[in-house]
Amino acid sequence: MTTNWLQPILVPSAITYIISFAALFVGSITDLKTREVPDWINYGLVASGLGLNLLFSAVYSNSDFIINSIAGLAIFYGVAYIMFYTGQWGGGDSKMLMGLGAVIGLDVSFKSQQFLAAFLINALLAGAAYGMLWSLFLGLKNRKNFLKEFGKALKQKNMMLSKKILLVLAAIVIIASFFIEDYSIRAALMLIALASALSFYLWISIRAIEKSSMFKLVEPSKLTEGDWIVNDIYVGKEYICGPKDLGIQKSQIRKLLHYYKRGKVRKILIKEGIPFVPSFFIAFIATWIFGSALIWLI
């Protein structure tokens, strides 16, 4: 009798967690290998999430399952939309997040622990650390080109002016801090000045890594939906695609293929994004084992 009342909670949770784990595992491998996650994984995750939770609601005569699934999908759709249209994640990453929202669900009654909310916090933190480490890896791997692009960026007139202004302001703040008797305030001002100066070089480094390690020339036949185009592409006066599209569409690829065969379009410069699905996988395991990282920090 002691296990019967747990069954409506444990069985659906176990199934949804296993499905999410499997999807993230396969998605991580494909993302690392091809820089994309197949739509069949992402849309399959959304469909299976809604379908399974609808089935759970019918079997256990409890509408919470499907309601939570829809709520999870809706909330994560909003998060994915923001992250995609601000250029933080690619289309595959965003769709994967939506699928996880549908499978795991968000408890709208707030009676149980919010796995999905804890996962989102962990995913953002893991994604930031993962992105920095991946960028560092690319910079070291292509260090000759990176140093070349870094030097070119520093020599630009607007960058040189910005650097001088920032360093002067940082020096003023540091000098002024010596006239403050409170050591905690003095230390805080010095850290702010140092962080401001370092942030300038960090921003330059990220730009240099993009140009030296993430830009790639490909033929239109090698393009996939969602690829980020670096420059605006026109044929005559007709606009085909560009960076403002935030990911090329299939109809635009077909146009490029048509003009490529006619010799009006050559190779396309694209920006390869960081494969972020592995960071979701790491965050999922961490949430499953440890819970929210926010609680650790507090």
C-alpha atoms as a PDB file:
ATOM      1  CA  MET A   1       0.000   0.000   0.000  1.00  0.00           C
ATOM      2  CA  THR A   2       2.853   2.430   0.669  1.00  0.00           C
ATOM      3  CA  THR A   3       3.986   2.427  -2.924  1.00  0.00           C
ATOM      4  CA  ASN A   4       0.541   2.809  -4.572  1.00  0.00           C
ATOM      5  CA  TRP A   5       0.125   6.494  -3.756  1.00  0.00           C
ATOM      6  CA  LEU A   6       3.638   7.233  -5.054  1.00  0.00           C
ATOM      7  CA  GLN A   7       2.984   5.611  -8.417  1.00  0.00           C
ATOM      8  CA  PRO A   8       1.122   8.593  -9.989  1.00  0.00           C
ATOM      9  CA  ILE A   9       4.142  10.773  -9.151  1.00  0.00           C
ATOM     10  CA  LEU A  10       7.144   8.489  -9.628  1.00  0.00           C
ATOM     11  CA  VAL A  11       6.170   6.650 -12.810  1.00  0.00           C
ATOM     12  CA  PRO A  12       5.441   9.765 -14.969  1.00  0.00           C
ATOM     13  CA  SER A  13       8.472  11.579 -13.515  1.00  0.00           C
ATOM     14  CA  ALA A  14      10.775   8.652 -14.272  1.00  0.00           C
ATOM     15  CA  ILE A  15       9.481   8.352 -17.841  1.00  0.00           C
ATOM     16  CA  THR A  16       9.728  12.081 -18.602  1.00  0.00           C
ATOM     17  CA  TYR A  17      13.214  12.344 -17.091  1.00  0.00           C
ATOM     18  CA  ILE A  18      14.457   9.331 -19.071  1.00  0.00           C
ATOM     19  CA  ILE A  19      13.026  10.738 -22.323  1.00  0.00           C
ATOM     20  CA  SER A  20      14.577  14.158 -21.610  1.00  0.00           C
ATOM     21  CA  PHE A  21      17.927  12.560 -20.765  1.00  0.00           C
ATOM     22  CA  ALA A  22      17.916  10.513 -23.990  1.00  0.00           C
ATOM     23  CA  ALA A  23      16.948  13.516 -26.155  1.00  0.00           C
ATOM     24  CA  LEU A  24      19.651  15.710 -24.595  1.00  0.00           C
ATOM     25  CA  PHE A  25      22.260  12.966 -24.961  1.00  0.00           C
ATOM     26  CA  VAL A  26      21.530  12.390 -28.664  1.00  0.00           C
ATOM     27  CA  GLY A  27      21.095  16.123 -29.280  1.00  0.00           C
ATOM     28  CA  SER A  28      24.461  16.871 -27.651  1.00  0.00           C
ATOM     29  CA  ILE A  29      26.243  14.397 -29.925  1.00  0.00           C
ATOM     30  CA  THR A  30      24.644  15.751 -33.112  1.00  0.00           C
ATOM     31  CA  ASP A  31      25.221  19.359 -32.005  1.00  0.00           C
ATOM     32  CA  LEU A  32      28.923  18.717 -31.401  1.00  0.00           C
ATOM     33  CA  LYS A  33      29.327  16.833 -34.690  1.00  0.00           C
ATOM     34  CA  THR A  34      27.204  18.898 -37.076  1.00  0.00           C
ATOM     35  CA  ARG A  35      26.430  22.131 -35.142  1.00  0.00           C
ATOM     36  CA  GLU A  36      22.718  21.399 -35.408  1.00  0.00           C
ATOM     37  CA  VAL A  37      20.013  19.366 -33.704  1.00  0.00           C
ATOM     38  CA  PRO A  38      17.649  17.504 -36.091  1.00  0.00           C
ATOM     39  CA  ASP A  39      14.068  18.713 -36.028  1.00  0.00           C
ATOM     40  CA  TRP A  40      12.818  15.167 -35.467  1.00  0.00           C
ATOM     41  CA  ILE A  41      14.437  15.212 -32.019  1.00  0.00           C
ATOM     42  CA  ASN A  42      13.068  18.610 -31.018  1.00  0.00           C
ATOM     43  CA  TYR A  43       9.569  18.317 -32.477  1.00  0.00           C
ATOM     44  CA  GLY A  44       9.433  14.702 -31.338  1.00  0.00           C
ATOM     45  CA  LEU A  45      10.198  15.915 -27.823  1.00  0.00           C
ATOM     46  CA  VAL A  46       7.369  18.463 -27.957  1.00  0.00           C
ATOM     47  CA  ALA A  47       4.891  15.916 -29.352  1.00  0.00           C
ATOM     48  CA  SER A  48       5.887  13.163 -26.913  1.00  0.00           C
ATOM     49  CA  GLY A  49       5.741  15.627 -23.997  1.00  0.00           C
ATOM     50  CA  LEU A  50       2.208  16.748 -24.782  1.00  0.00           C
ATOM     51  CA  GLY A  51       1.078  13.229 -25.731  1.00  0.00           C
ATOM     52  CA  LEU A  52       2.525  11.502 -22.678  1.00  0.00           C
ATOM     53  CA  ASN A  53       1.200  14.082 -20.240  1.00  0.00           C
ATOM     54  CA  LEU A  54      -2.234  13.887 -21.867  1.00  0.00           C
ATOM     55  CA  LEU A  55      -2.046  10.097 -21.408  1.00  0.00           C
ATOM     56  CA  PHE A  56      -0.979  10.495 -17.762  1.00  0.00           C
ATOM     57  CA  SER A  57      -3.923  12.835 -17.172  1.00  0.00           C
ATOM     58  CA  ALA A  58      -6.314  10.229 -18.599  1.00  0.00           C
ATOM     59  CA  VAL A  59      -4.768   7.252 -16.766  1.00  0.00           C
ATOM     60  CA  TYR A  60      -4.561   8.961 -13.381  1.00  0.00           C
ATOM     61  CA  SER A  61      -7.710  11.113 -13.843  1.00  0.00           C
ATOM     62  CA  ASN A  62      -5.621  14.176 -13.063  1.00  0.00           C
ATOM     63  CA  SER A  63      -5.587  17.138 -15.450  1.00  0.00           C
ATOM     64  CA  ASP A  64      -2.490  18.619 -13.765  1.00  0.00           C
ATOM     65  CA  PHE A  65      -0.174  16.608 -16.032  1.00  0.00           C
ATOM     66  CA  ILE A  66      -1.347  18.133 -19.315  1.00  0.00           C
ATOM     67  CA  ILE A  67      -1.843  21.589 -17.762  1.00  0.00           C
ATOM     68  CA  ASN A  68       1.722  21.557 -16.432  1.00  0.00           C
ATOM     69  CA  SER A  69       3.003  20.348 -19.795  1.00  0.00           C
ATOM     70  CA  ILE A  70       1.292  23.194 -21.668  1.00  0.00           C
ATOM     71  CA  ALA A  71       2.541  25.696 -19.061  1.00  0.00           C
ATOM     72  CA  GLY A  72       6.111  24.386 -19.381  1.00  0.00           C
ATOM     73  CA  LEU A  73       5.950  24.599 -23.166  1.00  0.00           C
ATOM     74  CA  ALA A  74       4.531  28.141 -23.058  1.00  0.00           C
ATOM     75  CA  ILE A  75       7.063  29.481 -20.535  1.00  0.00           C
ATOM     76  CA  PHE A  76      10.026  27.882 -22.262  1.00  0.00           C
ATOM     77  CA  TYR A  77       8.752  29.075 -25.642  1.00  0.00           C
ATOM     78  CA  GLY A  78       8.970  32.623 -24.273  1.00  0.00           C
ATOM     79  CA  VAL A  79      12.484  32.076 -22.907  1.00  0.00           C
ATOM     80  CA  ALA A  80      13.634  30.387 -26.132  1.00  0.00           C
ATOM     81  CA  TYR A  81      12.126  33.198 -28.238  1.00  0.00           C
ATOM     82  CA  ILE A  82      14.035  35.848 -26.265  1.00  0.00           C
ATOM     83  CA  MET A  83      17.331  33.932 -26.341  1.00  0.00           C
ATOM     84  CA  PHE A  84      17.035  33.207 -30.078  1.00  0.00           C
ATOM     85  CA  TYR A  85      16.121  36.731 -31.169  1.00  0.00           C
ATOM     86  CA  THR A  86      18.885  38.237 -29.049  1.00  0.00           C
ATOM     87  CA  GLY A  87      21.353  35.947 -30.824  1.00  0.00           C
ATOM     88  CA  GLN A  88      22.286  33.929 -27.725  1.00  0.00           C
ATOM     89  CA  TRP A  89      21.083  30.534 -28.945  1.00  0.00           C
ATOM     90  CA  GLY A  90      20.453  28.949 -32.306  1.00  0.00           C
ATOM     91  CA  GLY A  91      17.147  27.572 -33.522  1.00  0.00           C
ATOM     92  CA  GLY A  92      17.960  23.991 -32.514  1.00  0.00           C
ATOM     93  CA  ASP A  93      18.899  25.029 -28.964  1.00  0.00           C
ATOM     94  CA  SER A  94      15.668  26.996 -28.605  1.00  0.00           C
ATOM     95  CA  LYS A  95      13.484  24.155 -29.915  1.00  0.00           C
ATOM     96  CA  MET A  96      15.197  21.698 -27.552  1.00  0.00           C
ATOM     97  CA  LEU A  97      14.339  23.962 -24.623  1.00  0.00           C
ATOM     98  CA  MET A  98      10.683  24.090 -25.717  1.00  0.00           C
ATOM     99  CA  GLY A  99      10.607  20.295 -25.958  1.00  0.00           C
ATOM    100  CA  LEU A 100      11.966  19.932 -22.424  1.00  0.00           C
ATOM    101  CA  GLY A 101       9.296  22.336 -21.190  1.00  0.00           C
ATOM    102  CA  ALA A 102       6.566  20.168 -22.726  1.00  0.00           C
ATOM    103  CA  VAL A 103       7.983  16.875 -21.420  1.00  0.00           C
ATOM    104  CA  ILE A 104       8.863  17.874 -17.843  1.00  0.00           C
ATOM    105  CA  GLY A 105       6.170  20.495 -17.342  1.00  0.00           C
ATOM    106  CA  LEU A 106       5.875  23.383 -14.913  1.00  0.00           C
ATOM    107  CA  ASP A 107       3.862  22.731 -11.751  1.00  0.00           C
ATOM    108  CA  VAL A 108       1.294  25.553 -11.835  1.00  0.00           C
ATOM    109  CA  SER A 109       0.054  24.641  -8.339  1.00  0.00           C
ATOM    110  CA  PHE A 110       3.567  25.126  -6.893  1.00  0.00           C
ATOM    111  CA  LYS A 111       2.940  22.168  -4.561  1.00  0.00           C
ATOM    112  CA  SER A 112       6.116  20.305  -5.551  1.00  0.00           C
ATOM    113  CA  GLN A 113       9.698  21.254  -6.339  1.00  0.00           C
ATOM    114  CA  GLN A 114      10.021  23.091  -9.656  1.00  0.00           C
ATOM    115  CA  PHE A 115      12.528  20.967 -11.566  1.00  0.00           C
ATOM    116  CA  LEU A 116      12.022  23.033 -14.713  1.00  0.00           C
ATOM    117  CA  ALA A 117      12.734  26.355 -12.968  1.00  0.00           C
ATOM    118  CA  ALA A 118      15.866  24.917 -11.312  1.00  0.00           C
ATOM    119  CA  PHE A 119      16.981  23.515 -14.672  1.00  0.00           C
ATOM    120  CA  LEU A 120      16.565  26.911 -16.377  1.00  0.00           C
ATOM    121  CA  ILE A 121      18.728  28.633 -13.747  1.00  0.00           C
ATOM    122  CA  ASN A 122      21.369  25.910 -14.027  1.00  0.00           C
ATOM    123  CA  ALA A 123      21.227  26.030 -17.844  1.00  0.00           C
ATOM    124  CA  LEU A 124      21.885  29.784 -17.904  1.00  0.00           C
ATOM    125  CA  LEU A 125      24.812  29.473 -15.482  1.00  0.00           C
ATOM    126  CA  ALA A 126      26.218  26.368 -17.174  1.00  0.00           C
ATOM    127  CA  GLY A 127      25.733  27.992 -20.588  1.00  0.00           C
ATOM    128  CA  ALA A 128      27.710  31.090 -19.572  1.00  0.00           C
ATOM    129  CA  ALA A 129      30.616  29.025 -18.203  1.00  0.00           C
ATOM    130  CA  TYR A 130      30.447  26.590 -21.136  1.00  0.00           C
ATOM    131  CA  GLY A 131      30.422  29.435 -23.664  1.00  0.00           C
ATOM    132  CA  MET A 132      33.481  31.043 -22.102  1.00  0.00           C
ATOM    133  CA  LEU A 133      35.400  27.742 -22.029  1.00  0.00           C
ATOM    134  CA  TRP A 134      34.414  26.930 -25.613  1.00  0.00           C
ATOM    135  CA  SER A 135      35.527  30.376 -26.776  1.00  0.00           C
ATOM    136  CA  LEU A 136      38.824  29.932 -24.910  1.00  0.00           C
ATOM    137  CA  PHE A 137      39.298  26.558 -26.608  1.00  0.00           C
ATOM    138  CA  LEU A 138      38.656  28.082 -30.056  1.00  0.00           C
ATOM    139  CA  GLY A 139      41.040  30.967 -29.332  1.00  0.00           C
ATOM    140  CA  LEU A 140      43.842  28.588 -28.322  1.00  0.00           C
ATOM    141  CA  LYS A 141      43.141  26.252 -31.221  1.00  0.00           C
ATOM    142  CA  ASN A 142      43.339  29.111 -33.742  1.00  0.00           C
ATOM    143  CA  ARG A 143      45.738  31.311 -31.765  1.00  0.00           C
ATOM    144  CA  LYS A 144      47.643  32.659 -34.786  1.00  0.00           C
ATOM    145  CA  ASN A 145      44.505  33.946 -36.485  1.00  0.00           C
ATOM    146  CA  PHE A 146      43.099  35.042 -33.112  1.00  0.00           C
ATOM    147  CA  LEU A 147      46.165  37.170 -32.285  1.00  0.00           C
ATOM    148  CA  LYS A 148      46.054  38.666 -35.772  1.00  0.00           C
ATOM    149  CA  GLU A 149      42.366  39.648 -35.440  1.00  0.00           C
ATOM    150  CA  PHE A 150      42.914  40.858 -31.859  1.00  0.00           C
ATOM    151  CA  GLY A 151      45.755  43.145 -32.986  1.00  0.00           C
ATOM    152  CA  LYS A 152      43.711  44.475 -35.907  1.00  0.00           C
ATOM    153  CA  ALA A 153      40.791  45.287 -33.610  1.00  0.00           C
ATOM    154  CA  LEU A 154      42.987  47.177 -31.147  1.00  0.00           C
ATOM    155  CA  LYS A 155      44.437  49.294 -33.967  1.00  0.00           C
ATOM    156  CA  GLN A 156      41.058  50.555 -35.140  1.00  0.00           C
ATOM    157  CA  LYS A 157      40.641  54.269 -34.399  1.00  0.00           C
ATOM    158  CA  ASN A 158      37.380  53.929 -32.475  1.00  0.00           C
ATOM    159  CA  MET A 159      38.811  51.061 -30.399  1.00  0.00           C
ATOM    160  CA  MET A 160      41.993  52.978 -29.605  1.00  0.00           C
ATOM    161  CA  LEU A 161      39.957  55.975 -28.445  1.00  0.00           C
ATOM    162  CA  SER A 162      37.644  53.787 -26.338  1.00  0.00           C
ATOM    163  CA  LYS A 163      40.641  52.056 -24.769  1.00  0.00           C
ATOM    164  CA  LYS A 164      42.309  55.342 -23.837  1.00  0.00           C
ATOM    165  CA  ILE A 165      39.119  56.784 -22.314  1.00  0.00           C
ATOM    166  CA  LEU A 166      38.438  53.595 -20.346  1.00  0.00           C
ATOM    167  CA  LEU A 167      41.992  53.316 -19.026  1.00  0.00           C
ATOM    168  CA  VAL A 168      42.051  56.981 -17.995  1.00  0.00           C
ATOM    169  CA  LEU A 169      38.732  56.591 -16.136  1.00  0.00           C
ATOM    170  CA  ALA A 170      39.976  53.420 -14.460  1.00  0.00           C
ATOM    171  CA  ALA A 171      43.178  55.183 -13.372  1.00  0.00           C
ATOM    172  CA  ILE A 172      41.166  58.116 -11.951  1.00  0.00           C
ATOM    173  CA  VAL A 173      38.958  55.727  -9.957  1.00  0.00           C
ATOM    174  CA  ILE A 174      41.986  53.841  -8.592  1.00  0.00           C
ATOM    175  CA  ILE A 175      43.787  57.040  -7.599  1.00  0.00           C
ATOM    176  CA  ALA A 176      40.626  58.426  -5.994  1.00  0.00           C
ATOM    177  CA  SER A 177      40.184  55.222  -3.983  1.00  0.00           C
ATOM    178  CA  PHE A 178      43.439  55.925  -2.090  1.00  0.00           C
ATOM    179  CA  PHE A 179      41.777  58.969  -0.525  1.00  0.00           C
ATOM    180  CA  ILE A 180      39.009  56.814   0.964  1.00  0.00           C
ATOM    181  CA  GLU A 181      39.678  55.490   4.447  1.00  0.00           C
ATOM    182  CA  ASP A 182      37.145  52.654   4.322  1.00  0.00           C
ATOM    183  CA  TYR A 183      39.125  49.674   2.999  1.00  0.00           C
ATOM    184  CA  SER A 184      36.031  47.787   1.803  1.00  0.00           C
ATOM    185  CA  ILE A 185      34.900  50.732  -0.350  1.00  0.00           C
ATOM    186  CA  ARG A 186      38.460  51.229  -1.595  1.00  0.00           C
ATOM    187  CA  ALA A 187      38.719  47.561  -2.584  1.00  0.00           C
ATOM    188  CA  ALA A 188      35.315  47.691  -4.285  1.00  0.00           C
ATOM    189  CA  LEU A 189      36.294  50.741  -6.355  1.00  0.00           C
ATOM    190  CA  MET A 190      39.564  49.104  -7.403  1.00  0.00           C
ATOM    191  CA  LEU A 191      37.740  45.934  -8.430  1.00  0.00           C
ATOM    192  CA  ILE A 192      35.191  47.943 -10.454  1.00  0.00           C
ATOM    193  CA  ALA A 193      37.987  49.842 -12.220  1.00  0.00           C
ATOM    194  CA  LEU A 194      39.890  46.625 -12.936  1.00  0.00           C
ATOM    195  CA  ALA A 195      36.774  44.808 -14.137  1.00  0.00           C
ATOM    196  CA  SER A 196      35.877  47.711 -16.461  1.00  0.00           C
ATOM    197  CA  ALA A 197      39.335  47.664 -18.036  1.00  0.00           C
ATOM    198  CA  LEU A 198      39.339  43.882 -18.403  1.00  0.00           C
ATOM    199  CA  SER A 199      35.813  43.853 -19.875  1.00  0.00           C
ATOM    200  CA  PHE A 200      37.057  45.972 -22.788  1.00  0.00           C
ATOM    201  CA  TYR A 201      39.752  43.429 -23.643  1.00  0.00           C
ATOM    202  CA  LEU A 202      37.299  40.576 -23.087  1.00  0.00           C
ATOM    203  CA  TRP A 203      34.876  42.108 -25.577  1.00  0.00           C
ATOM    204  CA  ILE A 204      37.695  42.559 -28.117  1.00  0.00           C
ATOM    205  CA  SER A 205      38.761  38.946 -27.521  1.00  0.00           C
ATOM    206  CA  ILE A 206      35.256  37.639 -28.174  1.00  0.00           C
ATOM    207  CA  ARG A 207      35.051  39.604 -31.429  1.00  0.00           C
ATOM    208  CA  ALA A 208      38.491  38.304 -32.443  1.00  0.00           C
ATOM    209  CA  ILE A 209      37.478  34.716 -31.658  1.00  0.00           C
ATOM    210  CA  GLU A 210      34.356  35.107 -33.801  1.00  0.00           C
ATOM    211  CA  LYS A 211      36.321  36.341 -36.809  1.00  0.00           C
ATOM    212  CA  SER A 212      39.229  33.913 -36.425  1.00  0.00           C
ATOM    213  CA  SER A 213      37.369  30.751 -35.427  1.00  0.00           C
ATOM    214  CA  MET A 214      33.627  30.975 -36.107  1.00  0.00           C
ATOM    215  CA  PHE A 215      33.399  32.487 -39.601  1.00  0.00           C
ATOM    216  CA  LYS A 216      33.331  29.952 -42.420  1.00  0.00           C
ATOM    217  CA  LEU A 217      32.806  30.097 -46.199  1.00  0.00           C
ATOM    218  CA  VAL A 218      30.417  27.406 -47.481  1.00  0.00           C
ATOM    219  CA  GLU A 219      28.599  26.604 -50.692  1.00  0.00           C
ATOM    220  CA  PRO A 220      24.798  27.109 -50.632  1.00  0.00           C
ATOM    221  CA  SER A 221      24.348  23.309 -50.787  1.00  0.00           C
ATOM    222  CA  LYS A 222      26.083  23.070 -47.379  1.00  0.00           C
ATOM    223  CA  LEU A 223      23.727  25.570 -45.716  1.00  0.00           C
ATOM    224  CA  THR A 224      21.138  24.356 -43.230  1.00  0.00           C
ATOM    225  CA  GLU A 225      18.076  26.138 -41.942  1.00  0.00           C
ATOM    226  CA  GLY A 226      18.993  28.431 -39.058  1.00  0.00           C
ATOM    227  CA  ASP A 227      22.588  29.147 -40.147  1.00  0.00           C
ATOM    228  CA  TRP A 228      23.679  32.702 -39.282  1.00  0.00           C
ATOM    229  CA  ILE A 229      24.687  34.712 -42.351  1.00  0.00           C
ATOM    230  CA  VAL A 230      27.449  37.273 -41.729  1.00  0.00           C
ATOM    231  CA  ASN A 231      26.862  39.742 -44.597  1.00  0.00           C
ATOM    232  CA  ASP A 232      23.818  40.908 -46.547  1.00  0.00           C
ATOM    233  CA  ILE A 233      23.504  39.013 -49.830  1.00  0.00           C
ATOM    234  CA  TYR A 234      21.919  40.664 -52.864  1.00  0.00           C
ATOM    235  CA  VAL A 235      21.509  39.496 -56.445  1.00  0.00           C
ATOM    236  CA  GLY A 236      21.097  42.700 -58.377  1.00  0.00           C
ATOM    237  CA  LYS A 237      18.674  44.689 -56.245  1.00  0.00           C
ATOM    238  CA  GLU A 238      16.975  41.602 -54.811  1.00  0.00           C
ATOM    239  CA  TYR A 239      17.719  40.944 -51.134  1.00  0.00           C
ATOM    240  CA  ILE A 240      18.240  37.241 -50.455  1.00  0.00           C
ATOM    241  CA  CYS A 241      19.387  36.964 -46.837  1.00  0.00           C
ATOM    242  CA  GLY A 242      21.580  38.554 -44.173  1.00  0.00           C
ATOM    243  CA  PRO A 243      22.377  38.839 -40.465  1.00  0.00           C
ATOM    244  CA  LYS A 244      19.091  40.587 -39.655  1.00  0.00           C
ATOM    245  CA  ASP A 245      17.227  37.361 -40.499  1.00  0.00           C
ATOM    246  CA  LEU A 246      18.683  35.673 -37.389  1.00  0.00           C
ATOM    247  CA  GLY A 247      18.959  32.363 -39.189  1.00  0.00           C
ATOM    248  CA  ILE A 248      18.495  31.536 -42.860  1.00  0.00           C
ATOM    249  CA  GLN A 249      15.239  29.915 -43.985  1.00  0.00           C
ATOM    250  CA  LYS A 250      14.736  27.037 -46.429  1.00  0.00           C
ATOM    251  CA  SER A 251      13.157  29.330 -49.022  1.00  0.00           C
ATOM    252  CA  GLN A 252      16.258  31.561 -48.915  1.00  0.00           C
ATOM    253  CA  ILE A 253      18.556  28.541 -49.305  1.00  0.00           C
ATOM    254  CA  ARG A 254      16.586  27.475 -52.401  1.00  0.00           C
ATOM    255  CA  LYS A 255      17.077  30.947 -53.891  1.00  0.00           C
ATOM    256  CA  LEU A 256      20.816  30.842 -53.185  1.00  0.00           C
ATOM    257  CA  LEU A 257      21.086  27.396 -54.804  1.00  0.00           C
ATOM    258  CA  HIS A 258      19.240  28.703 -57.867  1.00  0.00           C
ATOM    259  CA  TYR A 259      21.554  31.707 -58.233  1.00  0.00           C
ATOM    260  CA  TYR A 260      24.647  29.634 -57.404  1.00  0.00           C
ATOM    261  CA  LYS A 261      23.920  27.306 -60.350  1.00  0.00           C
ATOM    262  CA  ARG A 262      23.611  30.369 -62.589  1.00  0.00           C
ATOM    263  CA  GLY A 263      26.943  31.706 -61.310  1.00  0.00           C
ATOM    264  CA  LYS A 264      25.438  34.771 -59.616  1.00  0.00           C
ATOM    265  CA  VAL A 265      26.255  33.679 -56.077  1.00  0.00           C
ATOM    266  CA  ARG A 266      29.481  32.215 -54.716  1.00  0.00           C
ATOM    267  CA  LYS A 267      30.332  30.793 -51.304  1.00  0.00           C
ATOM    268  CA  ILE A 268      28.443  32.236 -48.337  1.00  0.00           C
ATOM    269  CA  LEU A 269      30.145  33.488 -45.180  1.00  0.00           C
ATOM    270  CA  ILE A 270      28.379  32.054 -42.142  1.00  0.00           C
ATOM    271  CA  LYS A 271      28.989  32.238 -38.408  1.00  0.00           C
ATOM    272  CA  GLU A 272      29.166  28.863 -36.686  1.00  0.00           C
ATOM    273  CA  GLY A 273      27.508  29.116 -33.307  1.00  0.00           C
ATOM    274  CA  ILE A 274      28.653  27.439 -30.119  1.00  0.00           C
ATOM    275  CA  PRO A 275      26.971  24.025 -29.677  1.00  0.00           C
ATOM    276  CA  PHE A 276      24.932  24.824 -26.574  1.00  0.00           C
ATOM    277  CA  VAL A 277      22.892  21.621 -26.215  1.00  0.00           C
ATOM    278  CA  PRO A 278      25.762  19.899 -24.304  1.00  0.00           C
ATOM    279  CA  SER A 279      25.488  22.681 -21.699  1.00  0.00           C
ATOM    280  CA  PHE A 280      21.760  21.837 -21.364  1.00  0.00           C
ATOM    281  CA  PHE A 281      22.747  18.196 -20.860  1.00  0.00           C
ATOM    282  CA  ILE A 282      25.219  19.166 -18.116  1.00  0.00           C
ATOM    283  CA  ALA A 283      22.618  21.422 -16.459  1.00  0.00           C
ATOM    284  CA  PHE A 284      19.979  18.661 -16.622  1.00  0.00           C
ATOM    285  CA  ILE A 285      22.235  16.135 -14.859  1.00  0.00           C
ATOM    286  CA  ALA A 286      23.290  18.743 -12.269  1.00  0.00           C
ATOM    287  CA  THR A 287      19.635  19.626 -11.572  1.00  0.00           C
ATOM    288  CA  TRP A 288      18.664  15.960 -11.337  1.00  0.00           C
ATOM    289  CA  ILE A 289      21.412  15.262  -8.783  1.00  0.00           C
ATOM    290  CA  PHE A 290      21.931  18.534  -6.895  1.00  0.00           C
ATOM    291  CA  GLY A 291      18.916  20.773  -7.559  1.00  0.00           C
ATOM    292  CA  SER A 292      19.130  24.517  -8.242  1.00  0.00           C
ATOM    293  CA  ALA A 293      22.550  26.190  -8.352  1.00  0.00           C
ATOM    294  CA  LEU A 294      20.895  29.334  -6.977  1.00  0.00           C
ATOM    295  CA  ILE A 295      20.332  27.545  -3.672  1.00  0.00           C
ATOM    296  CA  TRP A 296      24.029  26.536  -3.580  1.00  0.00           C
ATOM    297  CA  LEU A 297      25.066  30.163  -4.083  1.00  0.00           C
ATOM    298  CA  ILE A 298      22.724  31.419  -1.375  1.00  0.00           C
END
